[in-house]
Protein backbone atom coordinates (compact mmCIF):
# COMPACT_ATOMS: atom_id res chain seq x y z
CA UNK A 1 167.42 190.32 25.44
CA UNK A 2 164.82 193.11 25.05
CA UNK A 3 162.70 194.20 27.99
CA UNK A 4 159.13 193.17 27.70
CA UNK A 5 156.77 195.97 26.93
CA UNK A 6 154.58 197.18 29.72
CA UNK A 7 150.78 197.27 28.89
CA UNK A 8 149.11 200.48 29.40
CA UNK A 9 145.71 200.63 31.17
CA UNK A 10 143.74 200.81 28.02
CA UNK A 11 145.23 197.47 26.78
CA UNK A 12 144.40 195.91 30.19
CA UNK A 13 140.82 197.03 30.20
CA UNK A 14 140.36 196.06 26.51
CA UNK A 15 141.58 192.43 27.55
CA UNK A 16 139.00 192.54 30.47
CA UNK A 17 141.44 192.26 33.29
CA UNK A 18 139.25 191.95 36.48
CA UNK A 19 142.09 193.00 38.67
CA UNK A 20 142.16 196.59 37.42
CA UNK A 21 139.83 198.99 38.96
CA UNK A 22 138.59 200.49 35.76
CA UNK A 23 137.87 197.08 34.08
CA UNK A 24 134.27 196.97 32.66
CA UNK A 25 134.05 193.39 33.17
CA UNK A 26 133.80 193.87 36.90
CA UNK A 27 130.35 195.40 36.45
CA UNK A 28 129.08 192.61 34.28
CA UNK A 29 130.68 190.00 36.84
CA UNK A 30 128.81 191.92 39.49
CA UNK A 31 125.44 191.69 37.63
CA UNK A 32 125.78 188.01 36.82
CA UNK A 33 127.09 186.91 40.30
CA UNK A 34 124.82 188.93 42.58
CA UNK A 35 122.36 186.73 44.44
CA UNK A 36 119.43 187.99 42.44
CA UNK A 37 121.36 187.84 39.21
CA UNK A 38 122.26 184.16 39.83
CA UNK A 39 118.58 183.28 40.69
CA UNK A 40 117.10 185.06 37.68
CA UNK A 41 119.49 183.52 35.31
CA UNK A 42 119.08 179.89 36.84
CA UNK A 43 115.17 180.42 36.82
CA UNK A 44 115.07 181.54 33.20
CA UNK A 45 117.05 178.54 32.07
CA UNK A 46 113.65 176.68 32.51
CA UNK A 47 112.19 178.99 29.81
CA UNK A 48 110.26 182.19 29.48
CA UNK A 49 108.79 183.68 32.62
CA UNK A 50 106.51 186.43 33.67
CA UNK A 51 107.74 188.97 36.19
CA UNK A 52 105.56 187.58 38.93
CA UNK A 53 106.71 184.01 38.23
CA UNK A 54 110.38 185.12 38.62
CA UNK A 55 109.56 186.72 41.87
CA UNK A 56 108.04 183.61 43.13
CA UNK A 57 111.11 181.55 42.21
CA UNK A 58 113.47 184.14 43.86
CA UNK A 59 111.80 184.26 47.20
CA UNK A 60 112.72 187.17 49.31
CA UNK A 61 113.55 189.65 46.51
CA UNK A 62 111.73 192.85 46.45
CA UNK A 63 109.97 193.96 43.43
CA UNK A 64 112.14 196.95 43.05
CA UNK A 65 115.44 194.72 43.29
CA UNK A 66 114.17 192.14 40.83
CA UNK A 67 113.23 194.96 38.28
CA UNK A 68 116.59 196.53 38.72
CA UNK A 69 118.33 193.10 38.39
CA UNK A 70 116.42 192.28 35.22
CA UNK A 71 117.21 195.72 33.64
CA UNK A 72 121.02 195.11 34.31
CA UNK A 73 120.82 191.63 32.87
CA UNK A 74 118.90 193.05 29.88
CA UNK A 75 121.32 195.88 29.35
CA UNK A 76 124.22 193.38 29.39
CA UNK A 77 122.56 191.32 26.75
CA UNK A 78 121.85 188.32 28.81
CA UNK A 79 117.90 188.63 29.30
CA UNK A 80 115.31 189.60 26.64
CA UNK A 81 112.35 191.57 27.74
CA UNK A 82 109.11 191.19 25.59
CA UNK A 83 106.16 193.39 26.15
CA UNK A 84 102.95 192.54 24.58
CA UNK A 85 100.66 195.46 23.63
CA UNK A 86 97.49 194.12 25.49
CA UNK A 87 95.55 195.34 28.56
CA UNK A 88 96.49 194.60 31.18
CA UNK A 89 100.34 194.50 30.24
CA UNK A 90 101.91 191.35 29.60
CA UNK A 91 105.61 191.18 29.83
CA UNK A 92 107.88 188.10 29.62
CA UNK A 93 111.55 187.52 30.14
CA UNK A 94 113.74 184.90 28.59
CA UNK A 95 117.56 184.32 28.04
CA UNK A 96 119.29 185.44 25.00
CA UNK A 97 121.95 183.05 23.41
CA UNK A 98 124.55 185.04 25.33
CA UNK A 99 122.43 184.61 28.44
CA UNK A 100 122.15 180.86 28.05
CA UNK A 101 126.00 180.72 27.90
CA UNK A 102 126.48 182.73 31.11
CA UNK A 103 123.53 180.93 32.93
CA UNK A 104 125.10 177.61 32.33
CA UNK A 105 128.41 178.85 34.01
CA UNK A 106 126.43 180.29 36.98
CA UNK A 107 124.41 177.13 37.31
CA UNK A 108 127.60 175.15 37.46
CA UNK A 109 128.92 177.24 40.25
CA UNK A 110 125.47 177.11 42.03
CA UNK A 111 125.53 173.32 41.70
CA UNK A 112 129.24 173.09 43.24
CA UNK A 113 127.97 175.25 46.17
CA UNK A 114 124.97 173.06 46.84
CA UNK A 115 127.14 169.83 46.53
CA UNK A 116 129.78 171.12 48.80
CA UNK A 117 127.54 173.07 51.29
CA UNK A 118 128.11 170.77 54.11
CA UNK A 119 131.78 171.21 53.91
CA UNK A 120 131.37 174.93 53.81
CA UNK A 121 129.12 174.97 56.76
CA UNK A 122 131.54 172.59 58.87
CA UNK A 123 134.42 174.94 58.01
CA UNK A 124 132.30 177.92 59.08
CA UNK A 125 131.46 176.23 62.33
CA UNK A 126 135.10 175.37 62.96
CA UNK A 127 136.17 178.95 62.30
CA UNK A 128 133.41 180.31 64.78
CA UNK A 129 134.59 177.78 67.33
CA UNK A 130 138.21 179.05 66.97
CA UNK A 131 137.03 182.54 67.23
CA UNK A 132 135.25 181.86 70.52
CA UNK A 133 138.46 180.32 72.19
């Protein structure tokens, strides 16, 4: 029986294997699953929002971090930034079709966390109590 061929790193990266250090999907995963990335994607599921509206929905985010998060999500093709040529500047953000797809998955994860938060908090408390013993 012939020995199975070993994949080279390029093949693994092309397939998007997250376990390899050089996999580009790791960067995308980081953008999508960062706290601010998740909150932006979920907020934009409701429709087009201005920067200030997004900042109000994602309480605690700095202006700089929100801008960086939106830039990354835009570069990945998930968010569309539309600037209107008026004074004062008017910029809005919305999800692209690709962004709608990833936002649905992120929202499912966030829903699961909310629905199971009490179990997670109980487990954390039990862990902390064991550490104190």
